[in-house]
Amino acid sequence: MLTEKRCENIDDKVFMEFHDVAKEVIPWLEEIACEYHCRLEKKEWKSKYNHYVVYDYEPFCSEGFEISITLSCKCPNFLNFVRYLFELKMHTINYLNSCVAM
């Protein structure tokens, strides 16, 4: 799930938040973001059971947490392309998982 936030400030950055990112996809997403001139602003682990429990580091036991990543960039086209690559990768992973389940 993706949420786009636009912020008009001195740097005129655009922010995009990725919710419920799989733990295995995080290194790939960080690498792609760096490759396309995006900056990792925030990485959070939010508890699925207690909305007030939020960590800015990976907890010892990451079961039961939703991972959220916020990226920023001065050019919204780079963020849109990162979003496209992320959605394509998630679609491919879901398709392969459904093939394995058959």
PDB file of N, CA and C in Angstrom:
ATOM      1  N   MET A   1       0.844  -1.169   0.000  1.00  0.00           N
ATOM      2  CA  MET A   1       0.000   0.000   0.000  1.00  0.00           C
ATOM      3  C   MET A   1       0.895   1.240   0.000  1.00  0.00           C
ATOM      4  N   LEU A   2       0.564   2.216  -0.825  1.00  0.00           N
ATOM      5  CA  LEU A   2       1.383   3.402  -0.966  1.00  0.00           C
ATOM      6  C   LEU A   2       0.581   4.648  -0.632  1.00  0.00           C
ATOM      7  N   THR A   3       1.248   5.599  -0.038  1.00  0.00           N
ATOM      8  CA  THR A   3       0.647   6.886   0.250  1.00  0.00           C
ATOM      9  C   THR A   3       1.599   7.953  -0.244  1.00  0.00           C
ATOM     10  N   GLU A   4       1.095   8.878  -1.031  1.00  0.00           N
ATOM     11  CA  GLU A   4       1.949   9.946  -1.538  1.00  0.00           C
ATOM     12  C   GLU A   4       1.623  11.232  -0.795  1.00  0.00           C
ATOM     13  N   LYS A   5       2.671  11.894  -0.333  1.00  0.00           N
ATOM     14  CA  LYS A   5       2.513  13.164   0.359  1.00  0.00           C
ATOM     15  C   LYS A   5       3.404  14.186  -0.326  1.00  0.00           C
ATOM     16  N   ARG A   6       2.833  15.298  -0.674  1.00  0.00           N
ATOM     17  CA  ARG A   6       3.622  16.379  -1.269  1.00  0.00           C
ATOM     18  C   ARG A   6       3.823  17.457  -0.223  1.00  0.00           C
ATOM     19  N   CYS A   7       5.031  17.963  -0.164  1.00  0.00           N
ATOM     20  CA  CYS A   7       5.377  18.961   0.845  1.00  0.00           C
ATOM     21  C   CYS A   7       6.053  20.136   0.160  1.00  0.00           C
ATOM     22  N   GLU A   8       5.508  21.289   0.334  1.00  0.00           N
ATOM     23  CA  GLU A   8       6.109  22.501  -0.225  1.00  0.00           C
ATOM     24  C   GLU A   8       6.950  23.153   0.869  1.00  0.00           C
ATOM     25  N   ASN A   9       8.239  22.995   0.793  1.00  0.00           N
ATOM     26  CA  ASN A   9       9.128  23.638   1.752  1.00  0.00           C
ATOM     27  C   ASN A   9      10.328  24.211   1.012  1.00  0.00           C
ATOM     28  N   ILE A  10      11.363  24.522   1.707  1.00  0.00           N
ATOM     29  CA  ILE A  10      12.528  25.160   1.094  1.00  0.00           C
ATOM     30  C   ILE A  10      13.130  24.267   0.008  1.00  0.00           C
ATOM     31  N   ASP A  11      13.222  22.986   0.288  1.00  0.00           N
ATOM     32  CA  ASP A  11      13.827  22.062  -0.668  1.00  0.00           C
ATOM     33  C   ASP A  11      12.853  21.599  -1.742  1.00  0.00           C
ATOM     34  N   ASP A  12      11.569  21.873  -1.561  1.00  0.00           N
ATOM     35  CA  ASP A  12      10.522  21.475  -2.507  1.00  0.00           C
ATOM     36  C   ASP A  12      10.596  19.969  -2.801  1.00  0.00           C
ATOM     37  N   LYS A  13      10.567  19.189  -1.739  1.00  0.00           N
ATOM     38  CA  LYS A  13      10.647  17.739  -1.862  1.00  0.00           C
ATOM     39  C   LYS A  13       9.252  17.117  -1.958  1.00  0.00           C
ATOM     40  N   VAL A  14       9.205  15.946  -2.541  1.00  0.00           N
ATOM     41  CA  VAL A  14       7.996  15.141  -2.588  1.00  0.00           C
ATOM     42  C   VAL A  14       8.276  13.882  -1.778  1.00  0.00           C
ATOM     43  N   PHE A  15       7.338  13.510  -0.920  1.00  0.00           N
ATOM     44  CA  PHE A  15       7.480  12.332  -0.066  1.00  0.00           C
ATOM     45  C   PHE A  15       6.519  11.254  -0.516  1.00  0.00           C
ATOM     46  N   MET A  16       6.975  10.003  -0.439  1.00  0.00           N
ATOM     47  CA  MET A  16       6.117   8.862  -0.718  1.00  0.00           C
ATOM     48  C   MET A  16       6.338   7.833   0.381  1.00  0.00           C
ATOM     49  N   GLU A  17       5.242   7.350   0.938  1.00  0.00           N
ATOM     50  CA  GLU A  17       5.319   6.410   2.048  1.00  0.00           C
ATOM     51  C   GLU A  17       4.850   5.037   1.571  1.00  0.00           C
ATOM     52  N   PHE A  18       5.659   4.033   1.836  1.00  0.00           N
ATOM     53  CA  PHE A  18       5.352   2.651   1.499  1.00  0.00           C
ATOM     54  C   PHE A  18       4.966   1.938   2.792  1.00  0.00           C
ATOM     55  N   HIS A  19       3.754   1.405   2.854  1.00  0.00           N
ATOM     56  CA  HIS A  19       3.273   0.717   4.048  1.00  0.00           C
ATOM     57  C   HIS A  19       3.336  -0.791   3.857  1.00  0.00           C
ATOM     58  N   ASP A  20       3.518  -1.501   4.954  1.00  0.00           N
ATOM     59  CA  ASP A  20       3.492  -2.968   4.981  1.00  0.00           C
ATOM     60  C   ASP A  20       4.464  -3.571   3.963  1.00  0.00           C
ATOM     61  N   VAL A  21       5.700  -3.114   4.019  1.00  0.00           N
ATOM     62  CA  VAL A  21       6.748  -3.611   3.130  1.00  0.00           C
ATOM     63  C   VAL A  21       7.283  -4.918   3.710  1.00  0.00           C
ATOM     64  N   ALA A  22       7.437  -5.919   2.863  1.00  0.00           N
ATOM     65  CA  ALA A  22       7.987  -7.199   3.314  1.00  0.00           C
ATOM     66  C   ALA A  22       9.450  -7.014   3.722  1.00  0.00           C
ATOM     67  N   LYS A  23       9.825  -7.711   4.780  1.00  0.00           N
ATOM     68  CA  LYS A  23      11.177  -7.596   5.326  1.00  0.00           C
ATOM     69  C   LYS A  23      12.240  -7.959   4.281  1.00  0.00           C
ATOM     70  N   GLU A  24      11.934  -8.906   3.427  1.00  0.00           N
ATOM     71  CA  GLU A  24      12.884  -9.367   2.417  1.00  0.00           C
ATOM     72  C   GLU A  24      13.080  -8.350   1.295  1.00  0.00           C
ATOM     73  N   VAL A  25      12.142  -7.431   1.119  1.00  0.00           N
ATOM     74  CA  VAL A  25      12.188  -6.476   0.011  1.00  0.00           C
ATOM     75  C   VAL A  25      12.912  -5.180   0.400  1.00  0.00           C
ATOM     76  N   ILE A  26      13.129  -4.959   1.693  1.00  0.00           N
ATOM     77  CA  ILE A  26      13.711  -3.695   2.168  1.00  0.00           C
ATOM     78  C   ILE A  26      15.071  -3.391   1.530  1.00  0.00           C
ATOM     79  N   PRO A  27      16.039  -4.325   1.514  1.00  0.00           N
ATOM     80  CA  PRO A  27      17.341  -3.990   0.895  1.00  0.00           C
ATOM     81  C   PRO A  27      17.203  -3.622  -0.582  1.00  0.00           C
ATOM     82  N   TRP A  28      16.334  -4.328  -1.296  1.00  0.00           N
ATOM     83  CA  TRP A  28      16.117  -4.029  -2.711  1.00  0.00           C
ATOM     84  C   TRP A  28      15.527  -2.629  -2.884  1.00  0.00           C
ATOM     85  N   LEU A  29      14.522  -2.288  -2.076  1.00  0.00           N
ATOM     86  CA  LEU A  29      13.876  -0.981  -2.170  1.00  0.00           C
ATOM     87  C   LEU A  29      14.855   0.143  -1.840  1.00  0.00           C
ATOM     88  N   GLU A  30      15.691  -0.054  -0.827  1.00  0.00           N
ATOM     89  CA  GLU A  30      16.688   0.957  -0.473  1.00  0.00           C
ATOM     90  C   GLU A  30      17.707   1.148  -1.602  1.00  0.00           C
ATOM     91  N   GLU A  31      18.120   0.053  -2.225  1.00  0.00           N
ATOM     92  CA  GLU A  31      19.086   0.135  -3.329  1.00  0.00           C
ATOM     93  C   GLU A  31      18.485   0.855  -4.530  1.00  0.00           C
ATOM     94  N   ILE A  32      17.250   0.514  -4.877  1.00  0.00           N
ATOM     95  CA  ILE A  32      16.575   1.160  -6.004  1.00  0.00           C
ATOM     96  C   ILE A  32      16.370   2.645  -5.720  1.00  0.00           C
ATOM     97  N   ALA A  33      15.980   2.979  -4.498  1.00  0.00           N
ATOM     98  CA  ALA A  33      15.763   4.378  -4.141  1.00  0.00           C
ATOM     99  C   ALA A  33      17.061   5.180  -4.300  1.00  0.00           C
ATOM    100  N   CYS A  34      18.160   4.620  -3.849  1.00  0.00           N
ATOM    101  CA  CYS A  34      19.450   5.299  -3.970  1.00  0.00           C
ATOM    102  C   CYS A  34      19.840   5.455  -5.440  1.00  0.00           C
ATOM    103  N   GLU A  35      19.585   4.434  -6.234  1.00  0.00           N
ATOM    104  CA  GLU A  35      19.934   4.455  -7.646  1.00  0.00           C
ATOM    105  C   GLU A  35      19.175   5.546  -8.398  1.00  0.00           C
ATOM    106  N   TYR A  36      17.943   5.823  -7.990  1.00  0.00           N
ATOM    107  CA  TYR A  36      17.117   6.823  -8.672  1.00  0.00           C
ATOM    108  C   TYR A  36      17.027   8.132  -7.892  1.00  0.00           C
ATOM    109  N   HIS A  37      18.071   8.474  -7.174  1.00  0.00           N
ATOM    110  CA  HIS A  37      18.239   9.778  -6.517  1.00  0.00           C
ATOM    111  C   HIS A  37      17.160  10.081  -5.480  1.00  0.00           C
ATOM    112  N   CYS A  38      16.659   9.063  -4.826  1.00  0.00           N
ATOM    113  CA  CYS A  38      15.686   9.247  -3.749  1.00  0.00           C
ATOM    114  C   CYS A  38      16.403   9.075  -2.416  1.00  0.00           C
ATOM    115  N   ARG A  39      15.867   9.721  -1.421  1.00  0.00           N
ATOM    116  CA  ARG A  39      16.477   9.659  -0.093  1.00  0.00           C
ATOM    117  C   ARG A  39      15.546   8.930   0.864  1.00  0.00           C
ATOM    118  N   LEU A  40      16.111   8.042   1.649  1.00  0.00           N
ATOM    119  CA  LEU A  40      15.347   7.332   2.668  1.00  0.00           C
ATOM    120  C   LEU A  40      15.178   8.271   3.857  1.00  0.00           C
ATOM    121  N   GLU A  41      13.965   8.752   4.070  1.00  0.00           N
ATOM    122  CA  GLU A  41      13.699   9.698   5.150  1.00  0.00           C
ATOM    123  C   GLU A  41      13.413   9.000   6.469  1.00  0.00           C
ATOM    124  N   LYS A  42      12.650   7.909   6.393  1.00  0.00           N
ATOM    125  CA  LYS A  42      12.213   7.277   7.636  1.00  0.00           C
ATOM    126  C   LYS A  42      11.904   5.805   7.371  1.00  0.00           C
ATOM    127  N   LYS A  43      12.288   4.964   8.337  1.00  0.00           N
ATOM    128  CA  LYS A  43      11.954   3.542   8.303  1.00  0.00           C
ATOM    129  C   LYS A  43      11.417   3.197   9.687  1.00  0.00           C
ATOM    130  N   GLU A  44      10.175   2.701   9.737  1.00  0.00           N
ATOM    131  CA  GLU A  44       9.519   2.439  11.021  1.00  0.00           C
ATOM    132  C   GLU A  44       8.924   1.042  11.061  1.00  0.00           C
ATOM    133  N   TRP A  45       8.934   0.477  12.257  1.00  0.00           N
ATOM    134  CA  TRP A  45       8.248  -0.780  12.537  1.00  0.00           C
ATOM    135  C   TRP A  45       7.079  -0.441  13.461  1.00  0.00           C
ATOM    136  N   LYS A  46       5.849  -0.567  12.952  1.00  0.00           N
ATOM    137  CA  LYS A  46       4.649  -0.251  13.735  1.00  0.00           C
ATOM    138  C   LYS A  46       3.971  -1.546  14.130  1.00  0.00           C
ATOM    139  N   SER A  47       3.590  -1.637  15.383  1.00  0.00           N
ATOM    140  CA  SER A  47       2.916  -2.828  15.874  1.00  0.00           C
ATOM    141  C   SER A  47       1.531  -2.941  15.244  1.00  0.00           C
ATOM    142  N   LYS A  48       1.159  -4.160  14.856  1.00  0.00           N
ATOM    143  CA  LYS A  48      -0.174  -4.396  14.304  1.00  0.00           C
ATOM    144  C   LYS A  48      -1.231  -4.465  15.399  1.00  0.00           C
ATOM    145  N   TYR A  49      -0.800  -4.631  16.634  1.00  0.00           N
ATOM    146  CA  TYR A  49      -1.736  -4.845  17.731  1.00  0.00           C
ATOM    147  C   TYR A  49      -1.887  -3.628  18.635  1.00  0.00           C
ATOM    148  N   ASN A  50      -0.819  -2.844  18.810  1.00  0.00           N
ATOM    149  CA  ASN A  50      -0.854  -1.641  19.643  1.00  0.00           C
ATOM    150  C   ASN A  50      -0.404  -0.466  18.787  1.00  0.00           C
ATOM    151  N   HIS A  51      -1.316   0.422  18.454  1.00  0.00           N
ATOM    152  CA  HIS A  51      -1.004   1.508  17.529  1.00  0.00           C
ATOM    153  C   HIS A  51       0.026   2.495  18.079  1.00  0.00           C
ATOM    154  N   TYR A  52       0.245   2.494  19.376  1.00  0.00           N
ATOM    155  CA  TYR A  52       1.188   3.437  19.970  1.00  0.00           C
ATOM    156  C   TYR A  52       2.617   2.895  20.022  1.00  0.00           C
ATOM    157  N   VAL A  53       2.837   1.650  19.635  1.00  0.00           N
ATOM    158  CA  VAL A  53       4.183   1.061  19.642  1.00  0.00           C
ATOM    159  C   VAL A  53       4.796   1.229  18.249  1.00  0.00           C
ATOM    160  N   VAL A  54       5.803   2.116  18.165  1.00  0.00           N
ATOM    161  CA  VAL A  54       6.491   2.391  16.905  1.00  0.00           C
ATOM    162  C   VAL A  54       7.989   2.440  17.189  1.00  0.00           C
ATOM    163  N   TYR A  55       8.749   1.667  16.415  1.00  0.00           N
ATOM    164  CA  TYR A  55      10.208   1.657  16.557  1.00  0.00           C
ATOM    165  C   TYR A  55      10.840   2.233  15.296  1.00  0.00           C
ATOM    166  N   ASP A  56      11.972   2.913  15.462  1.00  0.00           N
ATOM    167  CA  ASP A  56      12.722   3.393  14.306  1.00  0.00           C
ATOM    168  C   ASP A  56      13.911   2.474  14.007  1.00  0.00           C
ATOM    169  N   TYR A  57      13.912   1.312  14.616  1.00  0.00           N
ATOM    170  CA  TYR A  57      14.917   0.287  14.371  1.00  0.00           C
ATOM    171  C   TYR A  57      14.205  -1.061  14.350  1.00  0.00           C
ATOM    172  N   GLU A  58      14.858  -2.064  13.779  1.00  0.00           N
ATOM    173  CA  GLU A  58      14.234  -3.383  13.697  1.00  0.00           C
ATOM    174  C   GLU A  58      14.210  -4.029  15.074  1.00  0.00           C
ATOM    175  N   PRO A  59      13.022  -4.375  15.567  1.00  0.00           N
ATOM    176  CA  PRO A  59      12.951  -5.022  16.878  1.00  0.00           C
ATOM    177  C   PRO A  59      13.538  -6.429  16.831  1.00  0.00           C
ATOM    178  N   PHE A  60      13.861  -6.945  18.020  1.00  0.00           N
ATOM    179  CA  PHE A  60      14.448  -8.283  18.125  1.00  0.00           C
ATOM    180  C   PHE A  60      13.564  -9.318  17.449  1.00  0.00           C
ATOM    181  N   CYS A  61      12.282  -9.271  17.733  1.00  0.00           N
ATOM    182  CA  CYS A  61      11.309 -10.161  17.086  1.00  0.00           C
ATOM    183  C   CYS A  61      10.393  -9.290  16.231  1.00  0.00           C
ATOM    184  N   SER A  62      10.556  -9.374  14.925  1.00  0.00           N
ATOM    185  CA  SER A  62       9.809  -8.475  14.041  1.00  0.00           C
ATOM    186  C   SER A  62       8.448  -9.038  13.623  1.00  0.00           C
ATOM    187  N   GLU A  63       8.036 -10.167  14.188  1.00  0.00           N
ATOM    188  CA  GLU A  63       6.702 -10.705  13.905  1.00  0.00           C
ATOM    189  C   GLU A  63       5.660  -9.784  14.530  1.00  0.00           C
ATOM    190  N   GLY A  64       4.573  -9.531  13.820  1.00  0.00           N
ATOM    191  CA  GLY A  64       3.514  -8.681  14.347  1.00  0.00           C
ATOM    192  C   GLY A  64       3.759  -7.206  14.128  1.00  0.00           C
ATOM    193  N   PHE A  65       4.719  -6.863  13.284  1.00  0.00           N
ATOM    194  CA  PHE A  65       4.997  -5.459  12.983  1.00  0.00           C
ATOM    195  C   PHE A  65       4.797  -5.179  11.509  1.00  0.00           C
ATOM    196  N   GLU A  66       4.331  -3.986  11.207  1.00  0.00           N
ATOM    197  CA  GLU A  66       4.184  -3.510   9.838  1.00  0.00           C
ATOM    198  C   GLU A  66       5.333  -2.547   9.577  1.00  0.00           C
ATOM    199  N   ILE A  67       6.050  -2.762   8.492  1.00  0.00           N
ATOM    200  CA  ILE A  67       7.201  -1.922   8.167  1.00  0.00           C
ATOM    201  C   ILE A  67       6.756  -0.826   7.207  1.00  0.00           C
ATOM    202  N   SER A  68       7.083   0.412   7.555  1.00  0.00           N
ATOM    203  CA  SER A  68       6.774   1.567   6.713  1.00  0.00           C
ATOM    204  C   SER A  68       8.069   2.280   6.353  1.00  0.00           C
ATOM    205  N   ILE A  69       8.186   2.638   5.085  1.00  0.00           N
ATOM    206  CA  ILE A  69       9.369   3.345   4.597  1.00  0.00           C
ATOM    207  C   ILE A  69       8.906   4.616   3.901  1.00  0.00           C
ATOM    208  N   THR A  70       9.555   5.736   4.225  1.00  0.00           N
ATOM    209  CA  THR A  70       9.249   7.009   3.590  1.00  0.00           C
ATOM    210  C   THR A  70      10.449   7.442   2.767  1.00  0.00           C
ATOM    211  N   LEU A  71      10.199   7.687   1.478  1.00  0.00           N
ATOM    212  CA  LEU A  71      11.231   8.167   0.568  1.00  0.00           C
ATOM    213  C   LEU A  71      10.922   9.600   0.160  1.00  0.00           C
ATOM    214  N   SER A  72      11.962  10.355  -0.149  1.00  0.00           N
ATOM    215  CA  SER A  72      11.764  11.713  -0.645  1.00  0.00           C
ATOM    216  C   SER A  72      12.651  11.935  -1.860  1.00  0.00           C
ATOM    217  N   CYS A  73      12.229  12.879  -2.677  1.00  0.00           N
ATOM    218  CA  CYS A  73      12.988  13.220  -3.872  1.00  0.00           C
ATOM    219  C   CYS A  73      12.543  14.599  -4.339  1.00  0.00           C
ATOM    220  N   LYS A  74      13.422  15.294  -5.017  1.00  0.00           N
ATOM    221  CA  LYS A  74      13.051  16.603  -5.548  1.00  0.00           C
ATOM    222  C   LYS A  74      12.235  16.472  -6.823  1.00  0.00           C
ATOM    223  N   CYS A  75      12.403  15.378  -7.517  1.00  0.00           N
ATOM    224  CA  CYS A  75      11.672  15.150  -8.770  1.00  0.00           C
ATOM    225  C   CYS A  75      10.624  14.056  -8.551  1.00  0.00           C
ATOM    226  N   PRO A  76       9.350  14.369  -8.679  1.00  0.00           N
ATOM    227  CA  PRO A  76       8.315  13.350  -8.446  1.00  0.00           C
ATOM    228  C   PRO A  76       8.360  12.201  -9.448  1.00  0.00           C
ATOM    229  N   ASN A  77       8.946  12.415 -10.616  1.00  0.00           N
ATOM    230  CA  ASN A  77       9.011  11.341 -11.612  1.00  0.00           C
ATOM    231  C   ASN A  77       9.883  10.183 -11.144  1.00  0.00           C
ATOM    232  N   PHE A  78      10.962  10.491 -10.421  1.00  0.00           N
ATOM    233  CA  PHE A  78      11.804   9.426  -9.882  1.00  0.00           C
ATOM    234  C   PHE A  78      11.016   8.593  -8.867  1.00  0.00           C
ATOM    235  N   LEU A  79      10.266   9.270  -8.000  1.00  0.00           N
ATOM    236  CA  LEU A  79       9.459   8.542  -7.013  1.00  0.00           C
ATOM    237  C   LEU A  79       8.385   7.708  -7.685  1.00  0.00           C
ATOM    238  N   ASN A  80       7.768   8.247  -8.710  1.00  0.00           N
ATOM    239  CA  ASN A  80       6.748   7.479  -9.431  1.00  0.00           C
ATOM    240  C   ASN A  80       7.349   6.233 -10.075  1.00  0.00           C
ATOM    241  N   PHE A  81       8.582   6.349 -10.583  1.00  0.00           N
ATOM    242  CA  PHE A  81       9.220   5.189 -11.185  1.00  0.00           C
ATOM    243  C   PHE A  81       9.588   4.150 -10.132  1.00  0.00           C
ATOM    244  N   VAL A  82      10.062   4.596  -8.976  1.00  0.00           N
ATOM    245  CA  VAL A  82      10.355   3.667  -7.870  1.00  0.00           C
ATOM    246  C   VAL A  82       9.070   2.965  -7.441  1.00  0.00           C
ATOM    247  N   ARG A  83       7.969   3.711  -7.370  1.00  0.00           N
ATOM    248  CA  ARG A  83       6.676   3.110  -7.025  1.00  0.00           C
ATOM    249  C   ARG A  83       6.278   2.062  -8.063  1.00  0.00           C
ATOM    250  N   TYR A  84       6.458   2.379  -9.350  1.00  0.00           N
ATOM    251  CA  TYR A  84       6.147   1.426 -10.417  1.00  0.00           C
ATOM    252  C   TYR A  84       6.978   0.155 -10.278  1.00  0.00           C
ATOM    253  N   LEU A  85       8.282   0.301 -10.029  1.00  0.00           N
ATOM    254  CA  LEU A  85       9.153  -0.873  -9.866  1.00  0.00           C
ATOM    255  C   LEU A  85       8.750  -1.694  -8.651  1.00  0.00           C
ATOM    256  N   PHE A  86       8.385  -1.018  -7.560  1.00  0.00           N
ATOM    257  CA  PHE A  86       7.958  -1.707  -6.337  1.00  0.00           C
ATOM    258  C   PHE A  86       6.670  -2.491  -6.598  1.00  0.00           C
ATOM    259  N   GLU A  87       5.689  -1.860  -7.229  1.00  0.00           N
ATOM    260  CA  GLU A  87       4.429  -2.546  -7.517  1.00  0.00           C
ATOM    261  C   GLU A  87       4.641  -3.730  -8.462  1.00  0.00           C
ATOM    262  N   LEU A  88       5.515  -3.561  -9.448  1.00  0.00           N
ATOM    263  CA  LEU A  88       5.813  -4.651 -10.379  1.00  0.00           C
ATOM    264  C   LEU A  88       6.476  -5.814  -9.656  1.00  0.00           C
ATOM    265  N   LYS A  89       7.412  -5.516  -8.772  1.00  0.00           N
ATOM    266  CA  LYS A  89       8.090  -6.573  -8.008  1.00  0.00           C
ATOM    267  C   LYS A  89       7.098  -7.304  -7.106  1.00  0.00           C
ATOM    268  N   MET A  90       6.220  -6.561  -6.418  1.00  0.00           N
ATOM    269  CA  MET A  90       5.239  -7.194  -5.526  1.00  0.00           C
ATOM    270  C   MET A  90       4.248  -8.046  -6.325  1.00  0.00           C
ATOM    271  N   HIS A  91       3.861  -7.568  -7.498  1.00  0.00           N
ATOM    272  CA  HIS A  91       2.965  -8.351  -8.350  1.00  0.00           C
ATOM    273  C   HIS A  91       3.645  -9.648  -8.785  1.00  0.00           C
ATOM    274  N   THR A  92       4.919  -9.573  -9.159  1.00  0.00           N
ATOM    275  CA  THR A  92       5.664 -10.761  -9.580  1.00  0.00           C
ATOM    276  C   THR A  92       5.817 -11.749  -8.435  1.00  0.00           C
ATOM    277  N   ILE A  93       6.122 -11.247  -7.237  1.00  0.00           N
ATOM    278  CA  ILE A  93       6.257 -12.122  -6.069  1.00  0.00           C
ATOM    279  C   ILE A  93       4.934 -12.809  -5.752  1.00  0.00           C
ATOM    280  N   ASN A  94       3.840 -12.068  -5.789  1.00  0.00           N
ATOM    281  CA  ASN A  94       2.521 -12.666  -5.526  1.00  0.00           C
ATOM    282  C   ASN A  94       2.162 -13.707  -6.573  1.00  0.00           C
ATOM    283  N   TYR A  95       2.497 -13.421  -7.844  1.00  0.00           N
ATOM    284  CA  TYR A  95       2.211 -14.378  -8.911  1.00  0.00           C
ATOM    285  C   TYR A  95       3.022 -15.665  -8.719  1.00  0.00           C
ATOM    286  N   LEU A  96       4.304 -15.532  -8.389  1.00  0.00           N
ATOM    287  CA  LEU A  96       5.135 -16.718  -8.191  1.00  0.00           C
ATOM    288  C   LEU A  96       4.686 -17.518  -6.967  1.00  0.00           C
ATOM    289  N   ASN A  97       4.273 -16.819  -5.908  1.00  0.00           N
ATOM    290  CA  ASN A  97       3.752 -17.520  -4.731  1.00  0.00           C
ATOM    291  C   ASN A  97       2.478 -18.290  -5.050  1.00  0.00           C
ATOM    292  N   SER A  98       1.626 -17.722  -5.900  1.00  0.00           N
ATOM    293  CA  SER A  98       0.401 -18.437  -6.284  1.00  0.00           C
ATOM    294  C   SER A  98       0.728 -19.646  -7.169  1.00  0.00           C
ATOM    295  N   CYS A  99       1.773 -19.544  -7.990  1.00  0.00           N
ATOM    296  CA  CYS A  99       2.195 -20.685  -8.798  1.00  0.00           C
ATOM    297  C   CYS A  99       2.736 -21.813  -7.932  1.00  0.00           C
ATOM    298  N   VAL A 100       3.487 -21.458  -6.914  1.00  0.00           N
ATOM    299  CA  VAL A 100       4.047 -22.466  -6.013  1.00  0.00           C
ATOM    300  C   VAL A 100       2.943 -23.148  -5.211  1.00  0.00           C
ATOM    301  N   ALA A 101       1.918 -22.392  -4.857  1.00  0.00           N
ATOM    302  CA  ALA A 101       0.830 -22.933  -4.036  1.00  0.00           C
ATOM    303  C   ALA A 101      -0.027 -23.946  -4.795  1.00  0.00           C
ATOM    304  N   MET A 102       0.037 -23.925  -6.126  1.00  0.00           N
ATOM    305  CA  MET A 102      -0.799 -24.854  -6.915  1.00  0.00           C
ATOM    306  C   MET A 102      -0.341 -26.261  -6.794  1.00  0.00           C
TER     307      MET A 102
END
